[in-house]
Amino acid sequence: MKKLLTLCVTLILVSSVATVVIATTNGPPEIKFTPKMGTVTLDHTAHQALTDCATCHHTGEYAQCKSCHGVDPNAPAAKVAFHNLCKDCHKEMNKGPSKCKECHVK
């Protein structure tokens, strides 16, 4: 019984530390996507100041977008997801690029 209790306490501590580490990790300052139209550079740091993480990381995981979009048949294609999320937000906030060549740089 004592071993089980020790194991449970250890698991709780490890989980707590892992959660804190993940929560304090802000990810890369810049993210680059390389579609055919040209490279799209996202200033990740600036976007973190504008909105909460769940806006883009809607699954609660901090995985790369293309781990689902373009792979999982139930998820919209990456192009559709990015255009809907990014362009719609930029238009709604009346801030940020919304035309092709403003984001896509060859």
PDB file of N, CA and C in Angstrom:
ATOM      1  N   MET A   1       0.825  -1.184   0.000  1.00  0.00           N
ATOM      2  CA  MET A   1       0.000   0.000   0.000  1.00  0.00           C
ATOM      3  C   MET A   1       0.877   1.259   0.000  1.00  0.00           C
ATOM      4  N   LYS A   2       1.968   1.224   0.774  1.00  0.00           N
ATOM      5  CA  LYS A   2       2.866   2.362   0.848  1.00  0.00           C
ATOM      6  C   LYS A   2       3.534   2.613  -0.510  1.00  0.00           C
ATOM      7  N   LYS A   3       3.872   1.549  -1.230  1.00  0.00           N
ATOM      8  CA  LYS A   3       4.484   1.690  -2.558  1.00  0.00           C
ATOM      9  C   LYS A   3       3.507   2.334  -3.534  1.00  0.00           C
ATOM     10  N   LEU A   4       2.255   1.936  -3.467  1.00  0.00           N
ATOM     11  CA  LEU A   4       1.229   2.505  -4.347  1.00  0.00           C
ATOM     12  C   LEU A   4       1.045   3.986  -4.062  1.00  0.00           C
ATOM     13  N   LEU A   5       0.999   4.364  -2.815  1.00  0.00           N
ATOM     14  CA  LEU A   5       0.865   5.764  -2.436  1.00  0.00           C
ATOM     15  C   LEU A   5       2.068   6.573  -2.924  1.00  0.00           C
ATOM     16  N   THR A   6       3.269   6.022  -2.740  1.00  0.00           N
ATOM     17  CA  THR A   6       4.485   6.689  -3.211  1.00  0.00           C
ATOM     18  C   THR A   6       4.451   6.860  -4.729  1.00  0.00           C
ATOM     19  N   LEU A   7       4.018   5.840  -5.435  1.00  0.00           N
ATOM     20  CA  LEU A   7       3.909   5.904  -6.882  1.00  0.00           C
ATOM     21  C   LEU A   7       2.914   6.986  -7.302  1.00  0.00           C
ATOM     22  N   CYS A   8       1.769   7.037  -6.668  1.00  0.00           N
ATOM     23  CA  CYS A   8       0.745   8.042  -6.997  1.00  0.00           C
ATOM     24  C   CYS A   8       1.255   9.459  -6.759  1.00  0.00           C
ATOM     25  N   VAL A   9       1.902   9.685  -5.631  1.00  0.00           N
ATOM     26  CA  VAL A   9       2.444  11.010  -5.321  1.00  0.00           C
ATOM     27  C   VAL A   9       3.516  11.389  -6.342  1.00  0.00           C
ATOM     28  N   THR A  10       4.373  10.451  -6.695  1.00  0.00           N
ATOM     29  CA  THR A  10       5.413  10.702  -7.689  1.00  0.00           C
ATOM     30  C   THR A  10       4.799  11.069  -9.040  1.00  0.00           C
ATOM     31  N   LEU A  11       3.783  10.342  -9.465  1.00  0.00           N
ATOM     32  CA  LEU A  11       3.122  10.638 -10.741  1.00  0.00           C
ATOM     33  C   LEU A  11       2.485  12.023 -10.726  1.00  0.00           C
ATOM     34  N   ILE A  12       1.877  12.389  -9.620  1.00  0.00           N
ATOM     35  CA  ILE A  12       1.256  13.711  -9.509  1.00  0.00           C
ATOM     36  C   ILE A  12       2.319  14.807  -9.595  1.00  0.00           C
ATOM     37  N   LEU A  13       3.424  14.625  -8.923  1.00  0.00           N
ATOM     38  CA  LEU A  13       4.506  15.614  -8.962  1.00  0.00           C
ATOM     39  C   LEU A  13       5.091  15.749 -10.370  1.00  0.00           C
ATOM     40  N   VAL A  14       5.348  14.631 -11.015  1.00  0.00           N
ATOM     41  CA  VAL A  14       5.894  14.653 -12.378  1.00  0.00           C
ATOM     42  C   VAL A  14       4.909  15.335 -13.324  1.00  0.00           C
ATOM     43  N   SER A  15       3.636  15.025 -13.221  1.00  0.00           N
ATOM     44  CA  SER A  15       2.617  15.643 -14.067  1.00  0.00           C
ATOM     45  C   SER A  15       2.544  17.145 -13.829  1.00  0.00           C
ATOM     46  N   SER A  16       2.629  17.554 -12.595  1.00  0.00           N
ATOM     47  CA  SER A  16       2.585  18.984 -12.261  1.00  0.00           C
ATOM     48  C   SER A  16       3.773  19.727 -12.854  1.00  0.00           C
ATOM     49  N   VAL A  17       4.950  19.163 -12.693  1.00  0.00           N
ATOM     50  CA  VAL A  17       6.152  19.795 -13.248  1.00  0.00           C
ATOM     51  C   VAL A  17       6.064  19.865 -14.770  1.00  0.00           C
ATOM     52  N   ALA A  18       5.629  18.803 -15.401  1.00  0.00           N
ATOM     53  CA  ALA A  18       5.499  18.793 -16.865  1.00  0.00           C
ATOM     54  C   ALA A  18       4.514  19.849 -17.326  1.00  0.00           C
ATOM     55  N   THR A  19       3.407  20.008 -16.628  1.00  0.00           N
ATOM     56  CA  THR A  19       2.406  21.016 -16.984  1.00  0.00           C
ATOM     57  C   THR A  19       2.990  22.419 -16.878  1.00  0.00           C
ATOM     58  N   VAL A  20       3.731  22.688 -15.834  1.00  0.00           N
ATOM     59  CA  VAL A  20       4.348  24.005 -15.654  1.00  0.00           C
ATOM     60  C   VAL A  20       5.369  24.269 -16.751  1.00  0.00           C
ATOM     61  N   VAL A  21       6.168  23.288 -17.082  1.00  0.00           N
ATOM     62  CA  VAL A  21       7.175  23.450 -18.137  1.00  0.00           C
ATOM     63  C   VAL A  21       6.494  23.743 -19.471  1.00  0.00           C
ATOM     64  N   ILE A  22       5.464  23.008 -19.797  1.00  0.00           N
ATOM     65  CA  ILE A  22       4.750  23.217 -21.064  1.00  0.00           C
ATOM     66  C   ILE A  22       4.089  24.588 -21.075  1.00  0.00           C
ATOM     67  N   ALA A  23       3.494  24.986 -19.967  1.00  0.00           N
ATOM     68  CA  ALA A  23       2.790  26.267 -19.895  1.00  0.00           C
ATOM     69  C   ALA A  23       3.742  27.450 -20.026  1.00  0.00           C
ATOM     70  N   THR A  24       4.987  27.308 -19.575  1.00  0.00           N
ATOM     71  CA  THR A  24       5.926  28.420 -19.649  1.00  0.00           C
ATOM     72  C   THR A  24       6.729  28.422 -20.949  1.00  0.00           C
ATOM     73  N   THR A  25       6.590  27.409 -21.763  1.00  0.00           N
ATOM     74  CA  THR A  25       7.276  27.358 -23.046  1.00  0.00           C
ATOM     75  C   THR A  25       6.442  28.121 -24.067  1.00  0.00           C
ATOM     76  N   ASN A  26       7.012  29.150 -24.619  1.00  0.00           N
ATOM     77  CA  ASN A  26       6.266  29.984 -25.557  1.00  0.00           C
ATOM     78  C   ASN A  26       6.413  29.551 -27.001  1.00  0.00           C
ATOM     79  N   GLY A  27       7.182  28.541 -27.252  1.00  0.00           N
ATOM     80  CA  GLY A  27       7.385  28.102 -28.623  1.00  0.00           C
ATOM     81  C   GLY A  27       8.380  28.996 -29.335  1.00  0.00           C
ATOM     82  N   PRO A  28       8.565  28.761 -30.617  1.00  0.00           N
ATOM     83  CA  PRO A  28       9.543  29.545 -31.377  1.00  0.00           C
ATOM     84  C   PRO A  28       9.051  30.985 -31.577  1.00  0.00           C
ATOM     85  N   PRO A  29       9.967  31.943 -31.662  1.00  0.00           N
ATOM     86  CA  PRO A  29       9.556  33.330 -31.870  1.00  0.00           C
ATOM     87  C   PRO A  29       8.978  33.564 -33.267  1.00  0.00           C
ATOM     88  N   GLU A  30       9.354  32.706 -34.203  1.00  0.00           N
ATOM     89  CA  GLU A  30       8.902  32.860 -35.588  1.00  0.00           C
ATOM     90  C   GLU A  30       8.615  31.482 -36.170  1.00  0.00           C
ATOM     91  N   ILE A  31       7.557  31.395 -36.970  1.00  0.00           N
ATOM     92  CA  ILE A  31       7.192  30.133 -37.612  1.00  0.00           C
ATOM     93  C   ILE A  31       7.107  30.382 -39.110  1.00  0.00           C
ATOM     94  N   LYS A  32       7.690  29.488 -39.894  1.00  0.00           N
ATOM     95  CA  LYS A  32       7.659  29.630 -41.358  1.00  0.00           C
ATOM     96  C   LYS A  32       6.900  28.459 -41.966  1.00  0.00           C
ATOM     97  N   PHE A  33       5.989  28.796 -42.863  1.00  0.00           N
ATOM     98  CA  PHE A  33       5.261  27.808 -43.656  1.00  0.00           C
ATOM     99  C   PHE A  33       5.759  27.971 -45.083  1.00  0.00           C
ATOM    100  N   THR A  34       5.899  26.845 -45.804  1.00  0.00           N
ATOM    101  CA  THR A  34       6.462  26.930 -47.156  1.00  0.00           C
ATOM    102  C   THR A  34       5.523  26.322 -48.205  1.00  0.00           C
ATOM    103  N   PRO A  35       4.382  26.947 -48.443  1.00  0.00           N
ATOM    104  CA  PRO A  35       3.505  26.462 -49.508  1.00  0.00           C
ATOM    105  C   PRO A  35       4.042  26.871 -50.880  1.00  0.00           C
ATOM    106  N   LYS A  36       3.404  26.392 -51.940  1.00  0.00           N
ATOM    107  CA  LYS A  36       3.850  26.662 -53.310  1.00  0.00           C
ATOM    108  C   LYS A  36       3.858  28.151 -53.646  1.00  0.00           C
ATOM    109  N   MET A  37       2.924  28.913 -53.078  1.00  0.00           N
ATOM    110  CA  MET A  37       2.798  30.345 -53.389  1.00  0.00           C
ATOM    111  C   MET A  37       3.950  31.180 -52.845  1.00  0.00           C
ATOM    112  N   GLY A  38       4.732  30.643 -51.930  1.00  0.00           N
ATOM    113  CA  GLY A  38       5.824  31.387 -51.322  1.00  0.00           C
ATOM    114  C   GLY A  38       5.778  31.255 -49.802  1.00  0.00           C
ATOM    115  N   THR A  39       6.884  31.520 -49.179  1.00  0.00           N
ATOM    116  CA  THR A  39       7.017  31.342 -47.735  1.00  0.00           C
ATOM    117  C   THR A  39       6.156  32.343 -46.967  1.00  0.00           C
ATOM    118  N   VAL A  40       5.454  31.834 -45.969  1.00  0.00           N
ATOM    119  CA  VAL A  40       4.664  32.668 -45.065  1.00  0.00           C
ATOM    120  C   VAL A  40       5.375  32.635 -43.717  1.00  0.00           C
ATOM    121  N   THR A  41       5.720  33.817 -43.213  1.00  0.00           N
ATOM    122  CA  THR A  41       6.415  33.925 -41.935  1.00  0.00           C
ATOM    123  C   THR A  41       5.448  34.485 -40.901  1.00  0.00           C
ATOM    124  N   LEU A  42       5.250  33.749 -39.835  1.00  0.00           N
ATOM    125  CA  LEU A  42       4.357  34.158 -38.754  1.00  0.00           C
ATOM    126  C   LEU A  42       5.202  34.621 -37.576  1.00  0.00           C
ATOM    127  N   ASP A  43       4.988  35.846 -37.142  1.00  0.00           N
ATOM    128  CA  ASP A  43       5.649  36.354 -35.948  1.00  0.00           C
ATOM    129  C   ASP A  43       4.886  35.788 -34.748  1.00  0.00           C
ATOM    130  N   HIS A  44       5.339  34.644 -34.267  1.00  0.00           N
ATOM    131  CA  HIS A  44       4.656  33.918 -33.209  1.00  0.00           C
ATOM    132  C   HIS A  44       4.594  34.740 -31.921  1.00  0.00           C
ATOM    133  N   THR A  45       5.671  35.426 -31.599  1.00  0.00           N
ATOM    134  CA  THR A  45       5.724  36.239 -30.387  1.00  0.00           C
ATOM    135  C   THR A  45       4.669  37.342 -30.431  1.00  0.00           C
ATOM    136  N   ALA A  46       4.552  38.027 -31.553  1.00  0.00           N
ATOM    137  CA  ALA A  46       3.563  39.110 -31.682  1.00  0.00           C
ATOM    138  C   ALA A  46       2.147  38.564 -31.576  1.00  0.00           C
ATOM    139  N   HIS A  47       1.890  37.409 -32.184  1.00  0.00           N
ATOM    140  CA  HIS A  47       0.548  36.828 -32.127  1.00  0.00           C
ATOM    141  C   HIS A  47       0.194  36.361 -30.719  1.00  0.00           C
ATOM    142  N   GLN A  48       1.178  35.909 -29.964  1.00  0.00           N
ATOM    143  CA  GLN A  48       0.930  35.486 -28.585  1.00  0.00           C
ATOM    144  C   GLN A  48       0.468  36.661 -27.732  1.00  0.00           C
ATOM    145  N   ALA A  49       0.932  37.856 -28.065  1.00  0.00           N
ATOM    146  CA  ALA A  49       0.527  39.046 -27.316  1.00  0.00           C
ATOM    147  C   ALA A  49      -0.886  39.492 -27.687  1.00  0.00           C
ATOM    148  N   LEU A  50      -1.370  39.060 -28.848  1.00  0.00           N
ATOM    149  CA  LEU A  50      -2.680  39.507 -29.339  1.00  0.00           C
ATOM    150  C   LEU A  50      -3.841  38.595 -28.959  1.00  0.00           C
ATOM    151  N   THR A  51      -3.560  37.321 -28.777  1.00  0.00           N
ATOM    152  CA  THR A  51      -4.643  36.367 -28.556  1.00  0.00           C
ATOM    153  C   THR A  51      -4.163  35.226 -27.659  1.00  0.00           C
ATOM    154  N   ASP A  52      -5.082  34.408 -27.215  1.00  0.00           N
ATOM    155  CA  ASP A  52      -4.670  33.267 -26.393  1.00  0.00           C
ATOM    156  C   ASP A  52      -4.281  32.103 -27.294  1.00  0.00           C
ATOM    157  N   CYS A  53      -3.539  31.181 -26.750  1.00  0.00           N
ATOM    158  CA  CYS A  53      -3.000  30.054 -27.519  1.00  0.00           C
ATOM    159  C   CYS A  53      -4.090  29.199 -28.172  1.00  0.00           C
ATOM    160  N   ALA A  54      -5.215  29.050 -27.489  1.00  0.00           N
ATOM    161  CA  ALA A  54      -6.292  28.186 -27.976  1.00  0.00           C
ATOM    162  C   ALA A  54      -6.903  28.680 -29.281  1.00  0.00           C
ATOM    163  N   THR A  55      -6.692  29.946 -29.623  1.00  0.00           N
ATOM    164  CA  THR A  55      -7.208  30.458 -30.895  1.00  0.00           C
ATOM    165  C   THR A  55      -6.638  29.657 -32.058  1.00  0.00           C
ATOM    166  N   CYS A  56      -5.357  29.416 -32.033  1.00  0.00           N
ATOM    167  CA  CYS A  56      -4.707  28.644 -33.103  1.00  0.00           C
ATOM    168  C   CYS A  56      -4.541  27.176 -32.719  1.00  0.00           C
ATOM    169  N   HIS A  57      -4.141  26.950 -31.478  1.00  0.00           N
ATOM    170  CA  HIS A  57      -3.922  25.588 -30.990  1.00  0.00           C
ATOM    171  C   HIS A  57      -5.230  25.080 -30.388  1.00  0.00           C
ATOM    172  N   HIS A  58      -6.215  24.933 -31.244  1.00  0.00           N
ATOM    173  CA  HIS A  58      -7.588  24.647 -30.820  1.00  0.00           C
ATOM    174  C   HIS A  58      -7.784  23.263 -30.221  1.00  0.00           C
ATOM    175  N   THR A  59      -6.829  22.372 -30.394  1.00  0.00           N
ATOM    176  CA  THR A  59      -6.981  21.021 -29.834  1.00  0.00           C
ATOM    177  C   THR A  59      -6.465  20.939 -28.399  1.00  0.00           C
ATOM    178  N   GLY A  60      -5.800  22.004 -27.944  1.00  0.00           N
ATOM    179  CA  GLY A  60      -5.210  21.971 -26.617  1.00  0.00           C
ATOM    180  C   GLY A  60      -3.799  21.420 -26.634  1.00  0.00           C
ATOM    181  N   GLU A  61      -3.385  20.906 -27.773  1.00  0.00           N
ATOM    182  CA  GLU A  61      -2.024  20.380 -27.945  1.00  0.00           C
ATOM    183  C   GLU A  61      -1.206  21.454 -28.653  1.00  0.00           C
ATOM    184  N   TYR A  62       0.069  21.426 -28.479  1.00  0.00           N
ATOM    185  CA  TYR A  62       0.932  22.402 -29.134  1.00  0.00           C
ATOM    186  C   TYR A  62       1.726  21.734 -30.249  1.00  0.00           C
ATOM    187  N   ALA A  63       1.045  20.904 -31.005  1.00  0.00           N
ATOM    188  CA  ALA A  63       1.669  20.198 -32.117  1.00  0.00           C
ATOM    189  C   ALA A  63       1.701  21.107 -33.341  1.00  0.00           C
ATOM    190  N   GLN A  64       2.487  20.733 -34.318  1.00  0.00           N
ATOM    191  CA  GLN A  64       2.497  21.475 -35.572  1.00  0.00           C
ATOM    192  C   GLN A  64       1.167  21.294 -36.284  1.00  0.00           C
ATOM    193  N   CYS A  65       0.727  22.319 -36.961  1.00  0.00           N
ATOM    194  CA  CYS A  65      -0.574  22.303 -37.638  1.00  0.00           C
ATOM    195  C   CYS A  65      -0.702  21.118 -38.602  1.00  0.00           C
ATOM    196  N   LYS A  66       0.377  20.867 -39.338  1.00  0.00           N
ATOM    197  CA  LYS A  66       0.314  19.816 -40.356  1.00  0.00           C
ATOM    198  C   LYS A  66       0.365  18.411 -39.780  1.00  0.00           C
ATOM    199  N   SER A  67       0.392  18.289 -38.453  1.00  0.00           N
ATOM    200  CA  SER A  67       0.290  16.955 -37.870  1.00  0.00           C
ATOM    201  C   SER A  67      -1.139  16.437 -38.019  1.00  0.00           C
ATOM    202  N   CYS A  68      -2.099  17.347 -38.187  1.00  0.00           N
ATOM    203  CA  CYS A  68      -3.504  16.952 -38.444  1.00  0.00           C
ATOM    204  C   CYS A  68      -3.980  17.454 -39.800  1.00  0.00           C
ATOM    205  N   HIS A  69      -3.808  18.769 -40.035  1.00  0.00           N
ATOM    206  CA  HIS A  69      -4.288  19.370 -41.283  1.00  0.00           C
ATOM    207  C   HIS A  69      -3.467  18.855 -42.458  1.00  0.00           C
ATOM    208  N   GLY A  70      -4.147  18.166 -43.356  1.00  0.00           N
ATOM    209  CA  GLY A  70      -3.480  17.559 -44.498  1.00  0.00           C
ATOM    210  C   GLY A  70      -3.183  16.085 -44.271  1.00  0.00           C
ATOM    211  N   VAL A  71      -3.395  15.600 -43.057  1.00  0.00           N
ATOM    212  CA  VAL A  71      -3.151  14.197 -42.717  1.00  0.00           C
ATOM    213  C   VAL A  71      -4.460  13.521 -42.308  1.00  0.00           C
ATOM    214  N   ASP A  72      -5.135  14.100 -41.355  1.00  0.00           N
ATOM    215  CA  ASP A  72      -6.392  13.570 -40.837  1.00  0.00           C
ATOM    216  C   ASP A  72      -7.527  13.958 -41.797  1.00  0.00           C
ATOM    217  N   PRO A  73      -8.227  12.973 -42.366  1.00  0.00           N
ATOM    218  CA  PRO A  73      -9.297  13.299 -43.322  1.00  0.00           C
ATOM    219  C   PRO A  73     -10.453  14.075 -42.683  1.00  0.00           C
ATOM    220  N   ASN A  74     -10.563  14.064 -41.369  1.00  0.00           N
ATOM    221  CA  ASN A  74     -11.620  14.808 -40.687  1.00  0.00           C
ATOM    222  C   ASN A  74     -11.252  16.273 -40.446  1.00  0.00           C
ATOM    223  N   ALA A  75      -9.981  16.601 -40.581  1.00  0.00           N
ATOM    224  CA  ALA A  75      -9.522  17.980 -40.393  1.00  0.00           C
ATOM    225  C   ALA A  75      -9.458  18.665 -41.749  1.00  0.00           C
ATOM    226  N   PRO A  76      -9.789  19.961 -41.796  1.00  0.00           N
ATOM    227  CA  PRO A  76      -9.669  20.665 -43.082  1.00  0.00           C
ATOM    228  C   PRO A  76      -8.215  20.732 -43.531  1.00  0.00           C
ATOM    229  N   ALA A  77      -8.019  20.841 -44.824  1.00  0.00           N
ATOM    230  CA  ALA A  77      -6.663  20.959 -45.371  1.00  0.00           C
ATOM    231  C   ALA A  77      -5.981  22.175 -44.753  1.00  0.00           C
ATOM    232  N   ALA A  78      -4.664  22.128 -44.655  1.00  0.00           N
ATOM    233  CA  ALA A  78      -3.902  23.215 -44.033  1.00  0.00           C
ATOM    234  C   ALA A  78      -4.209  24.552 -44.703  1.00  0.00           C
ATOM    235  N   LYS A  79      -4.235  24.576 -46.017  1.00  0.00           N
ATOM    236  CA  LYS A  79      -4.501  25.822 -46.748  1.00  0.00           C
ATOM    237  C   LYS A  79      -5.837  26.413 -46.339  1.00  0.00           C
ATOM    238  N   VAL A  80      -6.860  25.599 -46.277  1.00  0.00           N
ATOM    239  CA  VAL A  80      -8.197  26.066 -45.907  1.00  0.00           C
ATOM    240  C   VAL A  80      -8.195  26.557 -44.457  1.00  0.00           C
ATOM    241  N   ALA A  81      -7.605  25.797 -43.571  1.00  0.00           N
ATOM    242  CA  ALA A  81      -7.573  26.164 -42.155  1.00  0.00           C
ATOM    243  C   ALA A  81      -6.825  27.475 -41.941  1.00  0.00           C
ATOM    244  N   PHE A  82      -5.650  27.609 -42.551  1.00  0.00           N
ATOM    245  CA  PHE A  82      -4.855  28.835 -42.377  1.00  0.00           C
ATOM    246  C   PHE A  82      -5.577  30.037 -42.965  1.00  0.00           C
ATOM    247  N   HIS A  83      -6.080  29.887 -44.180  1.00  0.00           N
ATOM    248  CA  HIS A  83      -6.763  31.018 -44.804  1.00  0.00           C
ATOM    249  C   HIS A  83      -7.976  31.441 -43.993  1.00  0.00           C
ATOM    250  N   ASN A  84      -8.759  30.484 -43.536  1.00  0.00           N
ATOM    251  CA  ASN A  84      -9.939  30.842 -42.744  1.00  0.00           C
ATOM    252  C   ASN A  84      -9.540  31.517 -41.436  1.00  0.00           C
ATOM    253  N   LEU A  85      -8.606  30.932 -40.723  1.00  0.00           N
ATOM    254  CA  LEU A  85      -8.218  31.474 -39.429  1.00  0.00           C
ATOM    255  C   LEU A  85      -7.488  32.806 -39.571  1.00  0.00           C
ATOM    256  N   CYS A  86      -6.449  32.826 -40.365  1.00  0.00           N
ATOM    257  CA  CYS A  86      -5.593  34.013 -40.462  1.00  0.00           C
ATOM    258  C   CYS A  86      -6.295  35.177 -41.161  1.00  0.00           C
ATOM    259  N   LYS A  87      -6.790  34.941 -42.363  1.00  0.00           N
ATOM    260  CA  LYS A  87      -7.416  36.027 -43.114  1.00  0.00           C
ATOM    261  C   LYS A  87      -8.656  36.560 -42.408  1.00  0.00           C
ATOM    262  N   ASP A  88      -9.470  35.670 -41.884  1.00  0.00           N
ATOM    263  CA  ASP A  88     -10.680  36.123 -41.206  1.00  0.00           C
ATOM    264  C   ASP A  88     -10.338  36.983 -39.987  1.00  0.00           C
ATOM    265  N   CYS A  89      -9.345  36.572 -39.223  1.00  0.00           N
ATOM    266  CA  CYS A  89      -8.930  37.346 -38.049  1.00  0.00           C
ATOM    267  C   CYS A  89      -8.366  38.702 -38.471  1.00  0.00           C
ATOM    268  N   HIS A  90      -7.517  38.701 -39.482  1.00  0.00           N
ATOM    269  CA  HIS A  90      -6.927  39.956 -39.946  1.00  0.00           C
ATOM    270  C   HIS A  90      -8.010  40.916 -40.427  1.00  0.00           C
ATOM    271  N   LYS A  91      -8.988  40.399 -41.149  1.00  0.00           N
ATOM    272  CA  LYS A  91     -10.083  41.257 -41.619  1.00  0.00           C
ATOM    273  C   LYS A  91     -10.938  41.751 -40.453  1.00  0.00           C
ATOM    274  N   GLU A  92     -11.231  40.855 -39.513  1.00  0.00           N
ATOM    275  CA  GLU A  92     -12.057  41.214 -38.360  1.00  0.00           C
ATOM    276  C   GLU A  92     -11.385  42.297 -37.506  1.00  0.00           C
ATOM    277  N   MET A  93     -10.078  42.163 -37.313  1.00  0.00           N
ATOM    278  CA  MET A  93      -9.353  43.136 -36.494  1.00  0.00           C
ATOM    279  C   MET A  93      -8.939  44.361 -37.299  1.00  0.00           C
ATOM    280  N   ASN A  94      -9.174  44.298 -38.610  1.00  0.00           N
ATOM    281  CA  ASN A  94      -8.775  45.371 -39.520  1.00  0.00           C
ATOM    282  C   ASN A  94      -7.281  45.674 -39.360  1.00  0.00           C
ATOM    283  N   LYS A  95      -6.526  44.593 -39.228  1.00  0.00           N
ATOM    284  CA  LYS A  95      -5.093  44.697 -38.993  1.00  0.00           C
ATOM    285  C   LYS A  95      -4.435  43.431 -39.515  1.00  0.00           C
ATOM    286  N   GLY A  96      -3.299  43.582 -40.154  1.00  0.00           N
ATOM    287  CA  GLY A  96      -2.571  42.423 -40.663  1.00  0.00           C
ATOM    288  C   GLY A  96      -2.861  42.188 -42.129  1.00  0.00           C
ATOM    289  N   PRO A  97      -1.999  41.451 -42.786  1.00  0.00           N
ATOM    290  CA  PRO A  97      -2.153  41.206 -44.222  1.00  0.00           C
ATOM    291  C   PRO A  97      -3.356  40.312 -44.534  1.00  0.00           C
ATOM    292  N   SER A  98      -3.991  40.577 -45.673  1.00  0.00           N
ATOM    293  CA  SER A  98      -5.105  39.730 -46.090  1.00  0.00           C
ATOM    294  C   SER A  98      -5.078  39.438 -47.592  1.00  0.00           C
ATOM    295  N   LYS A  99      -4.067  39.934 -48.270  1.00  0.00           N
ATOM    296  CA  LYS A  99      -3.908  39.649 -49.700  1.00  0.00           C
ATOM    297  C   LYS A  99      -2.750  38.679 -49.886  1.00  0.00           C
ATOM    298  N   CYS A 100      -2.815  37.889 -50.940  1.00  0.00           N
ATOM    299  CA  CYS A 100      -1.860  36.805 -51.165  1.00  0.00           C
ATOM    300  C   CYS A 100      -0.405  37.211 -50.974  1.00  0.00           C
ATOM    301  N   LYS A 101       0.041  38.188 -51.728  1.00  0.00           N
ATOM    302  CA  LYS A 101       1.461  38.544 -51.733  1.00  0.00           C
ATOM    303  C   LYS A 101       1.890  39.308 -50.490  1.00  0.00           C
ATOM    304  N   GLU A 102       0.940  39.676 -49.637  1.00  0.00           N
ATOM    305  CA  GLU A 102       1.299  40.297 -48.377  1.00  0.00           C
ATOM    306  C   GLU A 102       1.805  39.254 -47.374  1.00  0.00           C
ATOM    307  N   CYS A 103       1.394  38.005 -47.553  1.00  0.00           N
ATOM    308  CA  CYS A 103       1.844  36.908 -46.674  1.00  0.00           C
ATOM    309  C   CYS A 103       2.858  36.010 -47.384  1.00  0.00           C
ATOM    310  N   HIS A 104       2.528  35.659 -48.624  1.00  0.00           N
ATOM    311  CA  HIS A 104       3.367  34.727 -49.395  1.00  0.00           C
ATOM    312  C   HIS A 104       4.500  35.462 -50.072  1.00  0.00           C
ATOM    313  N   VAL A 105       5.735  35.143 -49.703  1.00  0.00           N
ATOM    314  CA  VAL A 105       6.915  35.790 -50.284  1.00  0.00           C
ATOM    315  C   VAL A 105       7.738  34.729 -50.979  1.00  0.00           C
ATOM    316  N   LYS A 106       7.969  34.919 -52.266  1.00  0.00           N
ATOM    317  CA  LYS A 106       8.777  33.964 -53.046  1.00  0.00           C
ATOM    318  C   LYS A 106      10.241  34.205 -52.818  1.00  0.00           C
TER     319      LYS A 106
END
